[in-house]
Amino acid sequence: MDIEFAAPSLHWRKPTDDLHVDCSDAVLTKSSEGVMSPATAYSSSDGDDTCNVFVCDVCLDECDLSDGVKLICGRSCSATMCTACTHTYITVRTASVIPGVLAKLNCPTCLVPVNLRRWHNRLAAFAPKFDDVLSQFCDKVERSCDVKCPSCHINRSQLPPHASSVPPIKMLPTLAAHIPRLRELGRAYCNHQLSAADVVAFAQTTFGQLGDIVLEYLVQLIDDRERRATLYLRLRRTNPLILTLCCNAAVCFSC
């Protein structure tokens, strides 16, 4: 007997265990040689109050704590940068990206890929300053999904927009039992801990004929545009036939 499985339970947007980190215990300490070690904050010499400053890893200037960006790639991340240096890094990285290439925005200190939703969360306090450059980065990455529509003859992205929910999928209880595992793999993929090929292989092997449908919905539920585009393009290798988003015209994505 079939059951109706609500696909929104596949939904994830960002890690829930590492975006809110209290690092108030980090201090700036002085070594025996009298050299000050870079850290997030330190106490004043008279001990009466705390100087809310930190030393930027890049420019080495003392900056106000309210102007700091830290814990970029996770709770163990050692990056401590001022907003000016962070903005310069993202701007230079964005300028170096070739439109249509699936580039990643790495942590400038740990050099590991960082989910773009996490970047937005780490920079939320400075949103007006970073919104444009982050959007430009995402736009360049999304160009990888451009296809010329055979109906309107306009070259545009066919990447499905992010959706907070999708229509329900009918599947047997034995198949629905694998959804928690798919959710785990999806989180790992969004955190750059698993390849798109592994996610596609699991879905197609586990869900059989429903595999491609599950993956199509899964793509829409991913907020990070780079992660969404990467999974979408991997899916197009095995299922290249699409209907364009603009005119609903049938086209082979590979061709």
C-alpha atoms as a PDB file:
ATOM      1  CA  MET A   1       0.000   0.000   0.000  1.00  0.00           C
ATOM      2  CA  ASP A   2       1.302   3.448  -0.909  1.00  0.00           C
ATOM      3  CA  ILE A   3       1.620   6.243   1.556  1.00  0.00           C
ATOM      4  CA  GLU A   4       1.902   9.922   0.877  1.00  0.00           C
ATOM      5  CA  PHE A   5       5.283  11.235   1.949  1.00  0.00           C
ATOM      6  CA  ALA A   6       5.661  14.971   2.392  1.00  0.00           C
ATOM      7  CA  ALA A   7       8.844  16.019   0.613  1.00  0.00           C
ATOM      8  CA  PRO A   8       9.355  19.132   2.777  1.00  0.00           C
ATOM      9  CA  SER A   9      10.831  16.819   5.406  1.00  0.00           C
ATOM     10  CA  LEU A  10      13.802  16.615   3.073  1.00  0.00           C
ATOM     11  CA  HIS A  11      14.415  20.301   3.656  1.00  0.00           C
ATOM     12  CA  TRP A  12      17.588  21.703   5.075  1.00  0.00           C
ATOM     13  CA  ARG A  13      19.107  25.117   4.655  1.00  0.00           C
ATOM     14  CA  LYS A  14      22.054  25.377   6.954  1.00  0.00           C
ATOM     15  CA  PRO A  15      23.808  23.519   9.737  1.00  0.00           C
ATOM     16  CA  THR A  16      22.014  23.936  13.033  1.00  0.00           C
ATOM     17  CA  ASP A  17      24.860  23.010  15.313  1.00  0.00           C
ATOM     18  CA  ASP A  18      27.641  25.350  14.327  1.00  0.00           C
ATOM     19  CA  LEU A  19      26.206  28.704  13.328  1.00  0.00           C
ATOM     20  CA  HIS A  20      25.715  30.137  16.804  1.00  0.00           C
ATOM     21  CA  VAL A  21      28.964  29.927  18.665  1.00  0.00           C
ATOM     22  CA  ASP A  22      29.910  31.737  21.864  1.00  0.00           C
ATOM     23  CA  CYS A  23      33.576  32.626  21.791  1.00  0.00           C
ATOM     24  CA  SER A  24      33.488  35.187  24.583  1.00  0.00           C
ATOM     25  CA  ASP A  25      36.247  33.317  26.405  1.00  0.00           C
ATOM     26  CA  ALA A  26      38.852  34.157  23.741  1.00  0.00           C
ATOM     27  CA  VAL A  27      41.375  36.671  25.062  1.00  0.00           C
ATOM     28  CA  LEU A  28      44.520  38.426  23.917  1.00  0.00           C
ATOM     29  CA  THR A  29      47.439  37.188  26.002  1.00  0.00           C
ATOM     30  CA  LYS A  30      50.970  38.463  26.455  1.00  0.00           C
ATOM     31  CA  SER A  31      53.923  36.082  26.263  1.00  0.00           C
ATOM     32  CA  SER A  32      56.922  36.114  28.571  1.00  0.00           C
ATOM     33  CA  GLU A  33      58.848  38.142  25.975  1.00  0.00           C
ATOM     34  CA  GLY A  34      56.199  40.854  26.108  1.00  0.00           C
ATOM     35  CA  VAL A  35      54.781  40.153  22.637  1.00  0.00           C
ATOM     36  CA  MET A  36      51.019  40.402  22.313  1.00  0.00           C
ATOM     37  CA  SER A  37      49.349  37.337  20.746  1.00  0.00           C
ATOM     38  CA  PRO A  38      46.526  37.960  18.268  1.00  0.00           C
ATOM     39  CA  ALA A  39      43.121  37.036  19.674  1.00  0.00           C
ATOM     40  CA  THR A  40      39.627  38.425  19.881  1.00  0.00           C
ATOM     41  CA  ALA A  41      39.851  40.607  22.989  1.00  0.00           C
ATOM     42  CA  TYR A  42      42.052  41.523  25.938  1.00  0.00           C
ATOM     43  CA  SER A  43      41.805  43.236  29.296  1.00  0.00           C
ATOM     44  CA  SER A  44      43.122  46.740  29.921  1.00  0.00           C
ATOM     45  CA  SER A  45      46.275  47.186  31.965  1.00  0.00           C
ATOM     46  CA  ASP A  46      44.487  48.513  35.043  1.00  0.00           C
ATOM     47  CA  GLY A  47      42.066  45.549  35.081  1.00  0.00           C
ATOM     48  CA  ASP A  48      39.064  47.831  35.610  1.00  0.00           C
ATOM     49  CA  ASP A  49      37.435  47.243  32.214  1.00  0.00           C
ATOM     50  CA  THR A  50      37.836  45.325  28.981  1.00  0.00           C
ATOM     51  CA  CYS A  51      39.082  46.850  25.750  1.00  0.00           C
ATOM     52  CA  ASN A  52      36.814  45.608  22.991  1.00  0.00           C
ATOM     53  CA  VAL A  53      39.479  45.255  20.332  1.00  0.00           C
ATOM     54  CA  PHE A  54      41.117  42.462  18.351  1.00  0.00           C
ATOM     55  CA  VAL A  55      44.038  42.150  15.946  1.00  0.00           C
ATOM     56  CA  CYS A  56      43.056  41.417  12.341  1.00  0.00           C
ATOM     57  CA  ASP A  57      44.870  38.392  10.890  1.00  0.00           C
ATOM     58  CA  VAL A  58      45.423  40.193   7.572  1.00  0.00           C
ATOM     59  CA  CYS A  59      46.166  43.876   8.163  1.00  0.00           C
ATOM     60  CA  LEU A  60      47.330  43.348  11.796  1.00  0.00           C
ATOM     61  CA  ASP A  61      45.482  46.482  12.866  1.00  0.00           C
ATOM     62  CA  GLU A  62      43.673  46.739  16.164  1.00  0.00           C
ATOM     63  CA  CYS A  63      39.952  46.836  15.378  1.00  0.00           C
ATOM     64  CA  ASP A  64      36.797  47.132  17.408  1.00  0.00           C
ATOM     65  CA  LEU A  65      35.181  43.782  18.217  1.00  0.00           C
ATOM     66  CA  SER A  66      31.991  44.966  16.533  1.00  0.00           C
ATOM     67  CA  ASP A  67      33.967  45.136  13.268  1.00  0.00           C
ATOM     68  CA  GLY A  68      35.214  41.543  13.467  1.00  0.00           C
ATOM     69  CA  VAL A  69      34.426  38.464  11.372  1.00  0.00           C
ATOM     70  CA  LYS A  70      35.385  35.128  12.913  1.00  0.00           C
ATOM     71  CA  LEU A  71      34.504  31.419  13.000  1.00  0.00           C
ATOM     72  CA  ILE A  72      33.985  31.554   9.239  1.00  0.00           C
ATOM     73  CA  CYS A  73      34.112  27.845   8.409  1.00  0.00           C
ATOM     74  CA  GLY A  74      33.133  26.374  11.783  1.00  0.00           C
ATOM     75  CA  ARG A  75      33.526  26.535  15.525  1.00  0.00           C
ATOM     76  CA  SER A  76      37.182  25.482  15.293  1.00  0.00           C
ATOM     77  CA  CYS A  77      38.011  28.137  12.670  1.00  0.00           C
ATOM     78  CA  SER A  78      40.917  30.359  13.714  1.00  0.00           C
ATOM     79  CA  ALA A  79      40.115  33.228  11.330  1.00  0.00           C
ATOM     80  CA  THR A  80      39.753  36.677  12.915  1.00  0.00           C
ATOM     81  CA  MET A  81      39.434  39.430  10.307  1.00  0.00           C
ATOM     82  CA  CYS A  82      38.125  42.952  10.111  1.00  0.00           C
ATOM     83  CA  THR A  83      35.229  43.647   7.762  1.00  0.00           C
ATOM     84  CA  ALA A  84      37.420  45.687   5.404  1.00  0.00           C
ATOM     85  CA  CYS A  85      39.834  42.798   4.817  1.00  0.00           C
ATOM     86  CA  THR A  86      36.968  40.312   4.569  1.00  0.00           C
ATOM     87  CA  HIS A  87      35.234  42.476   1.975  1.00  0.00           C
ATOM     88  CA  THR A  88      38.466  42.814   0.005  1.00  0.00           C
ATOM     89  CA  TYR A  89      38.971  39.049   0.059  1.00  0.00           C
ATOM     90  CA  ILE A  90      35.456  38.311  -1.236  1.00  0.00           C
ATOM     91  CA  THR A  91      35.695  41.076  -3.851  1.00  0.00           C
ATOM     92  CA  VAL A  92      39.009  39.785  -5.218  1.00  0.00           C
ATOM     93  CA  ARG A  93      37.748  36.198  -5.162  1.00  0.00           C
ATOM     94  CA  THR A  94      34.579  37.197  -7.006  1.00  0.00           C
ATOM     95  CA  ALA A  95      36.544  39.127  -9.631  1.00  0.00           C
ATOM     96  CA  SER A  96      38.729  36.083 -10.263  1.00  0.00           C
ATOM     97  CA  VAL A  97      35.782  33.745 -10.867  1.00  0.00           C
ATOM     98  CA  ILE A  98      35.084  32.949 -14.515  1.00  0.00           C
ATOM     99  CA  PRO A  99      31.327  33.182 -15.193  1.00  0.00           C
ATOM    100  CA  GLY A 100      29.910  29.685 -15.533  1.00  0.00           C
ATOM    101  CA  VAL A 101      32.540  27.991 -13.380  1.00  0.00           C
ATOM    102  CA  LEU A 102      31.407  26.230 -10.205  1.00  0.00           C
ATOM    103  CA  ALA A 103      33.698  28.174  -7.893  1.00  0.00           C
ATOM    104  CA  LYS A 104      33.640  27.969  -4.109  1.00  0.00           C
ATOM    105  CA  LEU A 105      34.154  30.723  -1.562  1.00  0.00           C
ATOM    106  CA  ASN A 106      36.746  29.213   0.781  1.00  0.00           C
ATOM    107  CA  CYS A 107      37.623  30.293   4.282  1.00  0.00           C
ATOM    108  CA  PRO A 108      40.558  32.707   3.815  1.00  0.00           C
ATOM    109  CA  THR A 109      42.442  31.192   6.748  1.00  0.00           C
ATOM    110  CA  CYS A 110      41.604  27.483   6.768  1.00  0.00           C
ATOM    111  CA  LEU A 111      41.274  27.321   2.944  1.00  0.00           C
ATOM    112  CA  VAL A 112      38.268  24.966   3.081  1.00  0.00           C
ATOM    113  CA  PRO A 113      34.998  25.506   1.139  1.00  0.00           C
ATOM    114  CA  VAL A 114      32.284  27.267   3.123  1.00  0.00           C
ATOM    115  CA  ASN A 115      28.542  27.029   2.528  1.00  0.00           C
ATOM    116  CA  LEU A 116      27.309  30.342   1.121  1.00  0.00           C
ATOM    117  CA  ARG A 117      24.438  30.403   3.600  1.00  0.00           C
ATOM    118  CA  ARG A 118      27.007  30.244   6.376  1.00  0.00           C
ATOM    119  CA  TRP A 119      28.845  33.196   4.791  1.00  0.00           C
ATOM    120  CA  HIS A 120      25.580  35.147   4.858  1.00  0.00           C
ATOM    121  CA  ASN A 121      25.044  34.262   8.506  1.00  0.00           C
ATOM    122  CA  ARG A 122      28.579  35.172   9.566  1.00  0.00           C
ATOM    123  CA  LEU A 123      28.223  38.522   7.761  1.00  0.00           C
ATOM    124  CA  ALA A 124      24.619  39.222   8.752  1.00  0.00           C
ATOM    125  CA  ALA A 125      25.637  42.091  11.036  1.00  0.00           C
ATOM    126  CA  PHE A 126      27.249  43.824   8.048  1.00  0.00           C
ATOM    127  CA  ALA A 127      24.643  42.794   5.447  1.00  0.00           C
ATOM    128  CA  PRO A 128      24.434  46.052   3.454  1.00  0.00           C
ATOM    129  CA  LYS A 129      28.187  46.008   2.934  1.00  0.00           C
ATOM    130  CA  PHE A 130      28.396  42.404   1.718  1.00  0.00           C
ATOM    131  CA  ASP A 131      25.068  41.689   0.008  1.00  0.00           C
ATOM    132  CA  ASP A 132      26.115  42.983  -3.412  1.00  0.00           C
ATOM    133  CA  VAL A 133      29.472  41.213  -3.635  1.00  0.00           C
ATOM    134  CA  LEU A 134      28.023  37.900  -2.418  1.00  0.00           C
ATOM    135  CA  SER A 135      25.218  38.220  -4.950  1.00  0.00           C
ATOM    136  CA  GLN A 136      27.751  38.856  -7.720  1.00  0.00           C
ATOM    137  CA  PHE A 137      29.651  35.727  -6.729  1.00  0.00           C
ATOM    138  CA  CYS A 138      26.468  33.638  -6.807  1.00  0.00           C
ATOM    139  CA  ASP A 139      25.411  35.107 -10.162  1.00  0.00           C
ATOM    140  CA  LYS A 140      28.709  34.096 -11.741  1.00  0.00           C
ATOM    141  CA  VAL A 141      28.402  30.556 -10.404  1.00  0.00           C
ATOM    142  CA  GLU A 142      24.802  30.225 -11.562  1.00  0.00           C
ATOM    143  CA  ARG A 143      25.856  31.049 -15.132  1.00  0.00           C
ATOM    144  CA  SER A 144      27.009  27.406 -15.269  1.00  0.00           C
ATOM    145  CA  CYS A 145      23.329  26.486 -15.666  1.00  0.00           C
ATOM    146  CA  ASP A 146      22.672  28.788 -18.641  1.00  0.00           C
ATOM    147  CA  VAL A 147      20.926  27.299 -21.668  1.00  0.00           C
ATOM    148  CA  LYS A 148      19.529  29.014 -24.768  1.00  0.00           C
ATOM    149  CA  CYS A 149      15.800  28.426 -24.864  1.00  0.00           C
ATOM    150  CA  PRO A 150      14.693  27.006 -28.264  1.00  0.00           C
ATOM    151  CA  SER A 151      11.462  28.979 -28.020  1.00  0.00           C
ATOM    152  CA  CYS A 152      12.434  32.528 -27.018  1.00  0.00           C
ATOM    153  CA  HIS A 153      16.111  32.109 -28.034  1.00  0.00           C
ATOM    154  CA  ILE A 154      17.304  33.810 -24.852  1.00  0.00           C
ATOM    155  CA  ASN A 155      20.256  32.417 -22.949  1.00  0.00           C
ATOM    156  CA  ARG A 156      19.250  32.161 -19.306  1.00  0.00           C
ATOM    157  CA  SER A 157      19.816  30.053 -16.206  1.00  0.00           C
ATOM    158  CA  GLN A 158      17.720  26.908 -15.870  1.00  0.00           C
ATOM    159  CA  LEU A 159      18.648  26.422 -12.222  1.00  0.00           C
ATOM    160  CA  PRO A 160      15.403  25.991 -10.255  1.00  0.00           C
ATOM    161  CA  PRO A 161      14.912  28.713  -7.651  1.00  0.00           C
ATOM    162  CA  HIS A 162      15.123  27.858  -3.986  1.00  0.00           C
ATOM    163  CA  ALA A 163      11.841  26.642  -2.505  1.00  0.00           C
ATOM    164  CA  SER A 164      10.919  26.281   1.147  1.00  0.00           C
ATOM    165  CA  SER A 165       8.570  23.409   0.275  1.00  0.00           C
ATOM    166  CA  VAL A 166       7.791  21.114  -2.651  1.00  0.00           C
ATOM    167  CA  PRO A 167       4.814  18.909  -3.599  1.00  0.00           C
ATOM    168  CA  PRO A 168       4.511  15.629  -1.692  1.00  0.00           C
ATOM    169  CA  ILE A 169       5.892  12.408  -3.131  1.00  0.00           C
ATOM    170  CA  LYS A 170       3.983   9.126  -2.872  1.00  0.00           C
ATOM    171  CA  MET A 171       6.269   6.262  -1.910  1.00  0.00           C
ATOM    172  CA  LEU A 172       6.197   2.992  -0.051  1.00  0.00           C
ATOM    173  CA  PRO A 173       7.024   2.990   3.667  1.00  0.00           C
ATOM    174  CA  THR A 174      10.118   0.921   2.923  1.00  0.00           C
ATOM    175  CA  LEU A 175      11.420   3.740   0.736  1.00  0.00           C
ATOM    176  CA  ALA A 176      10.340   6.527   3.087  1.00  0.00           C
ATOM    177  CA  ALA A 177      12.459   4.866   5.780  1.00  0.00           C
ATOM    178  CA  HIS A 178      15.562   5.981   3.874  1.00  0.00           C
ATOM    179  CA  ILE A 179      14.678   9.688   4.039  1.00  0.00           C
ATOM    180  CA  PRO A 180      16.564  10.327   7.328  1.00  0.00           C
ATOM    181  CA  ARG A 181      19.720   8.955   5.718  1.00  0.00           C
ATOM    182  CA  LEU A 182      19.152  11.137   2.651  1.00  0.00           C
ATOM    183  CA  ARG A 183      18.789  14.120   4.957  1.00  0.00           C
ATOM    184  CA  GLU A 184      22.116  13.304   6.622  1.00  0.00           C
ATOM    185  CA  LEU A 185      23.849  13.028   3.247  1.00  0.00           C
ATOM    186  CA  GLY A 186      22.269  16.293   2.168  1.00  0.00           C
ATOM    187  CA  ARG A 187      23.641  18.135   5.180  1.00  0.00           C
ATOM    188  CA  ALA A 188      27.084  16.674   4.556  1.00  0.00           C
ATOM    189  CA  TYR A 189      26.878  17.707   0.901  1.00  0.00           C
ATOM    190  CA  CYS A 190      25.819  21.266   1.754  1.00  0.00           C
ATOM    191  CA  ASN A 191      28.812  21.474   4.101  1.00  0.00           C
ATOM    192  CA  HIS A 192      31.199  20.285   1.350  1.00  0.00           C
ATOM    193  CA  GLN A 193      31.795  16.996   3.139  1.00  0.00           C
ATOM    194  CA  LEU A 194      30.275  14.829   0.412  1.00  0.00           C
ATOM    195  CA  SER A 195      30.294  14.985  -3.381  1.00  0.00           C
ATOM    196  CA  ALA A 196      27.247  15.517  -5.572  1.00  0.00           C
ATOM    197  CA  ALA A 197      28.003  12.201  -7.267  1.00  0.00           C
ATOM    198  CA  ASP A 198      27.606  10.383  -3.938  1.00  0.00           C
ATOM    199  CA  VAL A 199      24.227  12.029  -3.266  1.00  0.00           C
ATOM    200  CA  VAL A 200      22.959  11.211  -6.768  1.00  0.00           C
ATOM    201  CA  ALA A 201      24.191   7.615  -6.536  1.00  0.00           C
ATOM    202  CA  PHE A 202      22.478   7.097  -3.174  1.00  0.00           C
ATOM    203  CA  ALA A 203      19.147   8.544  -4.327  1.00  0.00           C
ATOM    204  CA  GLN A 204      19.040   6.662  -7.614  1.00  0.00           C
ATOM    205  CA  THR A 205      20.100   3.371  -6.048  1.00  0.00           C
ATOM    206  CA  THR A 206      17.865   3.638  -2.992  1.00  0.00           C
ATOM    207  CA  PHE A 207      14.681   5.116  -4.464  1.00  0.00           C
ATOM    208  CA  GLY A 208      14.780   3.420  -7.860  1.00  0.00           C
ATOM    209  CA  GLN A 209      12.334   4.981 -10.321  1.00  0.00           C
ATOM    210  CA  LEU A 210      11.617   7.775  -7.830  1.00  0.00           C
ATOM    211  CA  GLY A 211      15.299   8.639  -7.537  1.00  0.00           C
ATOM    212  CA  ASP A 212      15.331  11.402 -10.144  1.00  0.00           C
ATOM    213  CA  ILE A 213      12.118  12.915  -8.767  1.00  0.00           C
ATOM    214  CA  VAL A 214      13.579  12.960  -5.259  1.00  0.00           C
ATOM    215  CA  LEU A 215      16.737  14.620  -6.603  1.00  0.00           C
ATOM    216  CA  GLU A 216      14.794  17.241  -8.583  1.00  0.00           C
ATOM    217  CA  TYR A 217      12.972  18.233  -5.404  1.00  0.00           C
ATOM    218  CA  LEU A 218      16.170  18.032  -3.411  1.00  0.00           C
ATOM    219  CA  VAL A 219      17.827  20.562  -5.700  1.00  0.00           C
ATOM    220  CA  GLN A 220      15.052  23.079  -5.020  1.00  0.00           C
ATOM    221  CA  LEU A 221      15.359  22.669  -1.258  1.00  0.00           C
ATOM    222  CA  ILE A 222      19.038  23.697  -1.189  1.00  0.00           C
ATOM    223  CA  ASP A 223      19.521  27.372  -0.384  1.00  0.00           C
ATOM    224  CA  ASP A 224      23.214  27.694  -1.293  1.00  0.00           C
ATOM    225  CA  ARG A 225      23.263  28.507  -5.037  1.00  0.00           C
ATOM    226  CA  GLU A 226      26.663  26.942  -5.635  1.00  0.00           C
ATOM    227  CA  ARG A 227      25.626  23.703  -3.929  1.00  0.00           C
ATOM    228  CA  ARG A 228      22.289  23.765  -5.763  1.00  0.00           C
ATOM    229  CA  ALA A 229      23.952  24.350  -9.140  1.00  0.00           C
ATOM    230  CA  THR A 230      26.539  21.608  -8.556  1.00  0.00           C
ATOM    231  CA  LEU A 231      23.897  19.005  -7.705  1.00  0.00           C
ATOM    232  CA  TYR A 232      21.681  20.179 -10.582  1.00  0.00           C
ATOM    233  CA  LEU A 233      24.482  19.803 -13.131  1.00  0.00           C
ATOM    234  CA  ARG A 234      25.414  16.380 -11.766  1.00  0.00           C
ATOM    235  CA  LEU A 235      21.804  15.261 -12.156  1.00  0.00           C
ATOM    236  CA  ARG A 236      21.732  16.567 -15.734  1.00  0.00           C
ATOM    237  CA  ARG A 237      24.452  14.081 -16.673  1.00  0.00           C
ATOM    238  CA  THR A 238      22.094  11.161 -16.180  1.00  0.00           C
ATOM    239  CA  ASN A 239      18.862  12.997 -17.026  1.00  0.00           C
ATOM    240  CA  PRO A 240      19.655  15.757 -19.570  1.00  0.00           C
ATOM    241  CA  LEU A 241      16.107  16.361 -20.846  1.00  0.00           C
ATOM    242  CA  ILE A 242      14.522  19.442 -19.258  1.00  0.00           C
ATOM    243  CA  LEU A 243      11.716  21.939 -19.780  1.00  0.00           C
ATOM    244  CA  THR A 244      12.994  25.508 -19.842  1.00  0.00           C
ATOM    245  CA  LEU A 245      11.874  27.701 -16.960  1.00  0.00           C
ATOM    246  CA  CYS A 246      10.939  30.571 -19.272  1.00  0.00           C
ATOM    247  CA  CYS A 247       8.847  28.912 -22.008  1.00  0.00           C
ATOM    248  CA  ASN A 248       8.420  25.328 -20.784  1.00  0.00           C
ATOM    249  CA  ALA A 249      10.128  24.191 -23.978  1.00  0.00           C
ATOM    250  CA  ALA A 250      11.702  20.744 -24.167  1.00  0.00           C
ATOM    251  CA  VAL A 251      15.472  20.813 -24.620  1.00  0.00           C
ATOM    252  CA  CYS A 252      18.482  18.593 -24.050  1.00  0.00           C
ATOM    253  CA  PHE A 253      20.655  20.315 -21.466  1.00  0.00           C
ATOM    254  CA  SER A 254      23.801  18.557 -22.696  1.00  0.00           C
ATOM    255  CA  CYS A 255      23.241  19.630 -26.297  1.00  0.00           C
END
